[in-house]
Amino acid sequence: MERNAQEELKAHLMETNEEFRKLAGQHSEYARKLEALEAHPHLTYDEQLEETQLKKMKLRLKDQMEAILIHHRS
């Protein structure tokens, strides 16, 4: 799918699909938390665990959002 069309579909889903909007919001929150952790010069063991968990949760949300996009493309 053309990138512009994909962005338009995402924007449409953000306006019309509550589940997609919720997933996108959570994804953004995890991204902000990761940015804050990555700003530290050194991470503690607990921070490293949190970073790993956030990355996994963020990826899971991205996969769920992609599944919604695929469903709406067809």
PDB file of N, CA and C in Angstrom:
ATOM      1  N   MET A   1       0.856  -1.191   0.000  1.00  0.00           N
ATOM      2  CA  MET A   1       0.000   0.000   0.000  1.00  0.00           C
ATOM      3  C   MET A   1       0.889   1.237   0.000  1.00  0.00           C
ATOM      4  N   GLU A   2       0.480   2.195  -0.770  1.00  0.00           N
ATOM      5  CA  GLU A   2       1.223   3.450  -0.834  1.00  0.00           C
ATOM      6  C   GLU A   2       1.282   4.088   0.550  1.00  0.00           C
ATOM      7  N   ARG A   3       2.432   4.665   0.881  1.00  0.00           N
ATOM      8  CA  ARG A   3       2.636   5.244   2.218  1.00  0.00           C
ATOM      9  C   ARG A   3       1.586   6.301   2.546  1.00  0.00           C
ATOM     10  N   ASN A   4       1.275   7.161   1.597  1.00  0.00           N
ATOM     11  CA  ASN A   4       0.295   8.216   1.832  1.00  0.00           C
ATOM     12  C   ASN A   4      -1.084   7.617   2.136  1.00  0.00           C
ATOM     13  N   ALA A   5      -1.474   6.585   1.398  1.00  0.00           N
ATOM     14  CA  ALA A   5      -2.758   5.929   1.630  1.00  0.00           C
ATOM     15  C   ALA A   5      -2.770   5.272   3.005  1.00  0.00           C
ATOM     16  N   GLN A   6      -1.651   4.695   3.405  1.00  0.00           N
ATOM     17  CA  GLN A   6      -1.558   4.075   4.726  1.00  0.00           C
ATOM     18  C   GLN A   6      -1.716   5.124   5.823  1.00  0.00           C
ATOM     19  N   GLU A   7      -1.083   6.270   5.653  1.00  0.00           N
ATOM     20  CA  GLU A   7      -1.200   7.341   6.640  1.00  0.00           C
ATOM     21  C   GLU A   7      -2.637   7.864   6.710  1.00  0.00           C
ATOM     22  N   GLU A   8      -3.296   7.940   5.555  1.00  0.00           N
ATOM     23  CA  GLU A   8      -4.690   8.375   5.531  1.00  0.00           C
ATOM     24  C   GLU A   8      -5.579   7.366   6.261  1.00  0.00           C
ATOM     25  N   LEU A   9      -5.320   6.080   6.057  1.00  0.00           N
ATOM     26  CA  LEU A   9      -6.094   5.043   6.741  1.00  0.00           C
ATOM     27  C   LEU A   9      -5.868   5.120   8.250  1.00  0.00           C
ATOM     28  N   LYS A  10      -4.622   5.319   8.658  1.00  0.00           N
ATOM     29  CA  LYS A  10      -4.334   5.470  10.090  1.00  0.00           C
ATOM     30  C   LYS A  10      -5.078   6.661  10.678  1.00  0.00           C
ATOM     31  N   ALA A  11      -5.067   7.783   9.964  1.00  0.00           N
ATOM     32  CA  ALA A  11      -5.765   8.978  10.441  1.00  0.00           C
ATOM     33  C   ALA A  11      -7.264   8.712  10.537  1.00  0.00           C
ATOM     34  N   HIS A  12      -7.810   8.027   9.549  1.00  0.00           N
ATOM     35  CA  HIS A  12      -9.231   7.689   9.560  1.00  0.00           C
ATOM     36  C   HIS A  12      -9.557   6.797  10.755  1.00  0.00           C
ATOM     37  N   LEU A  13      -8.725   5.802  11.001  1.00  0.00           N
ATOM     38  CA  LEU A  13      -8.960   4.889  12.125  1.00  0.00           C
ATOM     39  C   LEU A  13      -8.818   5.611  13.461  1.00  0.00           C
ATOM     40  N   MET A  14      -7.905   6.562  13.543  1.00  0.00           N
ATOM     41  CA  MET A  14      -7.754   7.338  14.776  1.00  0.00           C
ATOM     42  C   MET A  14      -9.040   8.106  15.086  1.00  0.00           C
ATOM     43  N   GLU A  15      -9.729   8.526  14.049  1.00  0.00           N
ATOM     44  CA  GLU A  15     -10.968   9.277  14.235  1.00  0.00           C
ATOM     45  C   GLU A  15     -12.172   8.375  14.475  1.00  0.00           C
ATOM     46  N   THR A  16     -12.170   7.180  13.872  1.00  0.00           N
ATOM     47  CA  THR A  16     -13.397   6.381  13.853  1.00  0.00           C
ATOM     48  C   THR A  16     -13.332   5.074  14.648  1.00  0.00           C
ATOM     49  N   ASN A  17     -12.153   4.597  14.994  1.00  0.00           N
ATOM     50  CA  ASN A  17     -12.033   3.283  15.628  1.00  0.00           C
ATOM     51  C   ASN A  17     -11.466   3.443  17.036  1.00  0.00           C
ATOM     52  N   GLU A  18     -12.309   3.223  18.015  1.00  0.00           N
ATOM     53  CA  GLU A  18     -11.899   3.422  19.409  1.00  0.00           C
ATOM     54  C   GLU A  18     -10.762   2.484  19.812  1.00  0.00           C
ATOM     55  N   GLU A  19     -10.823   1.236  19.368  1.00  0.00           N
ATOM     56  CA  GLU A  19      -9.765   0.283  19.723  1.00  0.00           C
ATOM     57  C   GLU A  19      -8.419   0.714  19.152  1.00  0.00           C
ATOM     58  N   PHE A  20      -8.409   1.127  17.887  1.00  0.00           N
ATOM     59  CA  PHE A  20      -7.172   1.575  17.250  1.00  0.00           C
ATOM     60  C   PHE A  20      -6.617   2.794  17.982  1.00  0.00           C
ATOM     61  N   ARG A  21      -7.506   3.729  18.326  1.00  0.00           N
ATOM     62  CA  ARG A  21      -7.099   4.944  19.035  1.00  0.00           C
ATOM     63  C   ARG A  21      -6.500   4.596  20.398  1.00  0.00           C
ATOM     64  N   LYS A  22      -7.114   3.651  21.101  1.00  0.00           N
ATOM     65  CA  LYS A  22      -6.609   3.224  22.410  1.00  0.00           C
ATOM     66  C   LYS A  22      -5.232   2.572  22.273  1.00  0.00           C
ATOM     67  N   LEU A  23      -5.084   1.692  21.289  1.00  0.00           N
ATOM     68  CA  LEU A  23      -3.799   1.030  21.067  1.00  0.00           C
ATOM     69  C   LEU A  23      -2.719   2.049  20.701  1.00  0.00           C
ATOM     70  N   ALA A  24      -3.059   3.002  19.857  1.00  0.00           N
ATOM     71  CA  ALA A  24      -2.100   4.035  19.448  1.00  0.00           C
ATOM     72  C   ALA A  24      -1.684   4.882  20.646  1.00  0.00           C
ATOM     73  N   GLY A  25      -2.622   5.190  21.517  1.00  0.00           N
ATOM     74  CA  GLY A  25      -2.310   5.963  22.714  1.00  0.00           C
ATOM     75  C   GLY A  25      -1.362   5.224  23.645  1.00  0.00           C
ATOM     76  N   GLN A  26      -1.633   3.937  23.835  1.00  0.00           N
ATOM     77  CA  GLN A  26      -0.746   3.123  24.677  1.00  0.00           C
ATOM     78  C   GLN A  26       0.636   3.016  24.046  1.00  0.00           C
ATOM     79  N   HIS A  27       0.670   2.842  22.726  1.00  0.00           N
ATOM     80  CA  HIS A  27       1.937   2.737  22.003  1.00  0.00           C
ATOM     81  C   HIS A  27       2.762   4.011  22.199  1.00  0.00           C
ATOM     82  N   SER A  28       2.106   5.160  22.104  1.00  0.00           N
ATOM     83  CA  SER A  28       2.797   6.438  22.302  1.00  0.00           C
ATOM     84  C   SER A  28       3.307   6.588  23.731  1.00  0.00           C
ATOM     85  N   GLU A  29       2.514   6.142  24.683  1.00  0.00           N
ATOM     86  CA  GLU A  29       2.927   6.219  26.092  1.00  0.00           C
ATOM     87  C   GLU A  29       4.171   5.360  26.330  1.00  0.00           C
ATOM     88  N   TYR A  30       4.173   4.158  25.790  1.00  0.00           N
ATOM     89  CA  TYR A  30       5.351   3.293  25.936  1.00  0.00           C
ATOM     90  C   TYR A  30       6.564   3.914  25.254  1.00  0.00           C
ATOM     91  N   ALA A  31       6.353   4.542  24.109  1.00  0.00           N
ATOM     92  CA  ALA A  31       7.455   5.203  23.394  1.00  0.00           C
ATOM     93  C   ALA A  31       8.040   6.325  24.241  1.00  0.00           C
ATOM     94  N   ARG A  32       7.179   7.108  24.898  1.00  0.00           N
ATOM     95  CA  ARG A  32       7.663   8.200  25.766  1.00  0.00           C
ATOM     96  C   ARG A  32       8.470   7.636  26.935  1.00  0.00           C
ATOM     97  N   LYS A  33       7.986   6.556  27.521  1.00  0.00           N
ATOM     98  CA  LYS A  33       8.712   5.947  28.641  1.00  0.00           C
ATOM     99  C   LYS A  33      10.068   5.415  28.188  1.00  0.00           C
ATOM    100  N   LEU A  34      10.105   4.813  26.998  1.00  0.00           N
ATOM    101  CA  LEU A  34      11.375   4.320  26.463  1.00  0.00           C
ATOM    102  C   LEU A  34      12.344   5.467  26.213  1.00  0.00           C
ATOM    103  N   GLU A  35      11.852   6.552  25.660  1.00  0.00           N
ATOM    104  CA  GLU A  35      12.721   7.714  25.417  1.00  0.00           C
ATOM    105  C   GLU A  35      13.320   8.224  26.719  1.00  0.00           C
ATOM    106  N   ALA A  36      12.515   8.249  27.767  1.00  0.00           N
ATOM    107  CA  ALA A  36      13.009   8.709  29.070  1.00  0.00           C
ATOM    108  C   ALA A  36      14.094   7.773  29.592  1.00  0.00           C
ATOM    109  N   LEU A  37      13.887   6.474  29.447  1.00  0.00           N
ATOM    110  CA  LEU A  37      14.902   5.518  29.898  1.00  0.00           C
ATOM    111  C   LEU A  37      16.179   5.643  29.070  1.00  0.00           C
ATOM    112  N   GLU A  38      16.010   5.780  27.763  1.00  0.00           N
ATOM    113  CA  GLU A  38      17.169   5.831  26.876  1.00  0.00           C
ATOM    114  C   GLU A  38      17.958   7.126  27.046  1.00  0.00           C
ATOM    115  N   ALA A  39      17.374   8.099  27.701  1.00  0.00           N
ATOM    116  CA  ALA A  39      18.089   9.352  27.960  1.00  0.00           C
ATOM    117  C   ALA A  39      19.108   9.186  29.093  1.00  0.00           C
ATOM    118  N   HIS A  40      18.957   8.141  29.881  1.00  0.00           N
ATOM    119  CA  HIS A  40      19.911   7.885  30.970  1.00  0.00           C
ATOM    120  C   HIS A  40      21.223   7.375  30.375  1.00  0.00           C
ATOM    121  N   PRO A  41      22.344   7.844  30.904  1.00  0.00           N
ATOM    122  CA  PRO A  41      23.634   7.355  30.383  1.00  0.00           C
ATOM    123  C   PRO A  41      23.867   5.880  30.723  1.00  0.00           C
ATOM    124  N   HIS A  42      23.365   5.438  31.872  1.00  0.00           N
ATOM    125  CA  HIS A  42      23.506   4.041  32.284  1.00  0.00           C
ATOM    126  C   HIS A  42      22.203   3.604  32.916  1.00  0.00           C
ATOM    127  N   LEU A  43      21.781   2.401  32.585  1.00  0.00           N
ATOM    128  CA  LEU A  43      20.549   1.874  33.151  1.00  0.00           C
ATOM    129  C   LEU A  43      20.866   0.870  34.254  1.00  0.00           C
ATOM    130  N   THR A  44      20.068   0.924  35.310  1.00  0.00           N
ATOM    131  CA  THR A  44      20.183  -0.088  36.351  1.00  0.00           C
ATOM    132  C   THR A  44      19.606  -1.386  35.793  1.00  0.00           C
ATOM    133  N   TYR A  45      19.796  -2.454  36.529  1.00  0.00           N
ATOM    134  CA  TYR A  45      19.249  -3.747  36.101  1.00  0.00           C
ATOM    135  C   TYR A  45      17.732  -3.650  35.959  1.00  0.00           C
ATOM    136  N   ASP A  46      17.072  -3.031  36.941  1.00  0.00           N
ATOM    137  CA  ASP A  46      15.611  -2.885  36.888  1.00  0.00           C
ATOM    138  C   ASP A  46      15.179  -2.036  35.697  1.00  0.00           C
ATOM    139  N   GLU A  47      15.942  -0.995  35.401  1.00  0.00           N
ATOM    140  CA  GLU A  47      15.631  -0.154  34.251  1.00  0.00           C
ATOM    141  C   GLU A  47      15.820  -0.919  32.948  1.00  0.00           C
ATOM    142  N   GLN A  48      16.831  -1.778  32.897  1.00  0.00           N
ATOM    143  CA  GLN A  48      17.042  -2.603  31.707  1.00  0.00           C
ATOM    144  C   GLN A  48      15.867  -3.563  31.504  1.00  0.00           C
ATOM    145  N   LEU A  49      15.383  -4.145  32.599  1.00  0.00           N
ATOM    146  CA  LEU A  49      14.212  -5.029  32.512  1.00  0.00           C
ATOM    147  C   LEU A  49      12.987  -4.253  32.027  1.00  0.00           C
ATOM    148  N   GLU A  50      12.798  -3.068  32.594  1.00  0.00           N
ATOM    149  CA  GLU A  50      11.667  -2.237  32.192  1.00  0.00           C
ATOM    150  C   GLU A  50      11.769  -1.880  30.711  1.00  0.00           C
ATOM    151  N   GLU A  51      12.974  -1.545  30.261  1.00  0.00           N
ATOM    152  CA  GLU A  51      13.180  -1.209  28.855  1.00  0.00           C
ATOM    153  C   GLU A  51      12.787  -2.383  27.957  1.00  0.00           C
ATOM    154  N   THR A  52      13.227  -3.570  28.322  1.00  0.00           N
ATOM    155  CA  THR A  52      12.910  -4.764  27.538  1.00  0.00           C
ATOM    156  C   THR A  52      11.410  -5.013  27.511  1.00  0.00           C
ATOM    157  N   GLN A  53      10.766  -4.893  28.669  1.00  0.00           N
ATOM    158  CA  GLN A  53       9.319  -5.099  28.736  1.00  0.00           C
ATOM    159  C   GLN A  53       8.568  -4.064  27.911  1.00  0.00           C
ATOM    160  N   LEU A  54       8.981  -2.816  27.996  1.00  0.00           N
ATOM    161  CA  LEU A  54       8.332  -1.760  27.220  1.00  0.00           C
ATOM    162  C   LEU A  54       8.466  -2.007  25.723  1.00  0.00           C
ATOM    163  N   LYS A  55       9.637  -2.437  25.299  1.00  0.00           N
ATOM    164  CA  LYS A  55       9.845  -2.722  23.876  1.00  0.00           C
ATOM    165  C   LYS A  55       8.933  -3.846  23.412  1.00  0.00           C
ATOM    166  N   LYS A  56       8.798  -4.890  24.220  1.00  0.00           N
ATOM    167  CA  LYS A  56       7.924  -6.016  23.861  1.00  0.00           C
ATOM    168  C   LYS A  56       6.463  -5.586  23.818  1.00  0.00           C
ATOM    169  N   MET A  57       6.026  -4.810  24.808  1.00  0.00           N
ATOM    170  CA  MET A  57       4.637  -4.357  24.842  1.00  0.00           C
ATOM    171  C   MET A  57       4.344  -3.421  23.672  1.00  0.00           C
ATOM    172  N   LYS A  58       5.313  -2.555  23.364  1.00  0.00           N
ATOM    173  CA  LYS A  58       5.160  -1.623  22.252  1.00  0.00           C
ATOM    174  C   LYS A  58       5.040  -2.384  20.928  1.00  0.00           C
ATOM    175  N   LEU A  59       5.850  -3.411  20.754  1.00  0.00           N
ATOM    176  CA  LEU A  59       5.796  -4.224  19.545  1.00  0.00           C
ATOM    177  C   LEU A  59       4.468  -4.979  19.447  1.00  0.00           C
ATOM    178  N   ARG A  60       3.990  -5.491  20.568  1.00  0.00           N
ATOM    179  CA  ARG A  60       2.708  -6.200  20.581  1.00  0.00           C
ATOM    180  C   ARG A  60       1.578  -5.263  20.152  1.00  0.00           C
ATOM    181  N   LEU A  61       1.611  -4.033  20.660  1.00  0.00           N
ATOM    182  CA  LEU A  61       0.594  -3.051  20.275  1.00  0.00           C
ATOM    183  C   LEU A  61       0.690  -2.718  18.787  1.00  0.00           C
ATOM    184  N   LYS A  62       1.908  -2.597  18.299  1.00  0.00           N
ATOM    185  CA  LYS A  62       2.103  -2.297  16.875  1.00  0.00           C
ATOM    186  C   LYS A  62       1.522  -3.422  16.019  1.00  0.00           C
ATOM    187  N   ASP A  63       1.740  -4.664  16.445  1.00  0.00           N
ATOM    188  CA  ASP A  63       1.182  -5.812  15.716  1.00  0.00           C
ATOM    189  C   ASP A  63      -0.345  -5.783  15.723  1.00  0.00           C
ATOM    190  N   GLN A  64      -0.935  -5.426  16.858  1.00  0.00           N
ATOM    191  CA  GLN A  64      -2.394  -5.343  16.948  1.00  0.00           C
ATOM    192  C   GLN A  64      -2.930  -4.225  16.050  1.00  0.00           C
ATOM    193  N   MET A  65      -2.235  -3.102  16.027  1.00  0.00           N
ATOM    194  CA  MET A  65      -2.641  -1.995  15.170  1.00  0.00           C
ATOM    195  C   MET A  65      -2.523  -2.393  13.697  1.00  0.00           C
ATOM    196  N   GLU A  66      -1.472  -3.105  13.351  1.00  0.00           N
ATOM    197  CA  GLU A  66      -1.273  -3.552  11.974  1.00  0.00           C
ATOM    198  C   GLU A  66      -2.378  -4.521  11.561  1.00  0.00           C
ATOM    199  N   ALA A  67      -2.814  -5.384  12.474  1.00  0.00           N
ATOM    200  CA  ALA A  67      -3.902  -6.315  12.177  1.00  0.00           C
ATOM    201  C   ALA A  67      -5.191  -5.541  11.861  1.00  0.00           C
ATOM    202  N   ILE A  68      -5.450  -4.476  12.592  1.00  0.00           N
ATOM    203  CA  ILE A  68      -6.629  -3.645  12.327  1.00  0.00           C
ATOM    204  C   ILE A  68      -6.481  -2.971  10.958  1.00  0.00           C
ATOM    205  N   LEU A  69      -5.292  -2.475  10.648  1.00  0.00           N
ATOM    206  CA  LEU A  69      -5.053  -1.845   9.342  1.00  0.00           C
ATOM    207  C   LEU A  69      -5.289  -2.839   8.207  1.00  0.00           C
ATOM    208  N   ILE A  70      -4.789  -4.042   8.348  1.00  0.00           N
ATOM    209  CA  ILE A  70      -4.951  -5.070   7.314  1.00  0.00           C
ATOM    210  C   ILE A  70      -6.436  -5.387   7.127  1.00  0.00           C
ATOM    211  N   HIS A  71      -7.147  -5.498   8.241  1.00  0.00           N
ATOM    212  CA  HIS A  71      -8.578  -5.796   8.178  1.00  0.00           C
ATOM    213  C   HIS A  71      -9.325  -4.694   7.419  1.00  0.00           C
ATOM    214  N   HIS A  72      -8.980  -3.437   7.644  1.00  0.00           N
ATOM    215  CA  HIS A  72      -9.671  -2.320   7.012  1.00  0.00           C
ATOM    216  C   HIS A  72      -9.226  -2.077   5.571  1.00  0.00           C
ATOM    217  N   ARG A  73      -8.067  -2.576   5.195  1.00  0.00           N
ATOM    218  CA  ARG A  73      -7.605  -2.444   3.806  1.00  0.00           C
ATOM    219  C   ARG A  73      -8.421  -3.327   2.873  1.00  0.00           C
ATOM    220  N   SER A  74      -8.842  -4.479   3.401  1.00  0.00           N
ATOM    221  CA  SER A  74      -9.550  -5.440   2.527  1.00  0.00           C
ATOM    222  C   SER A  74     -11.006  -5.108   2.326  1.00  0.00           C
TER     223      SER A  74
END
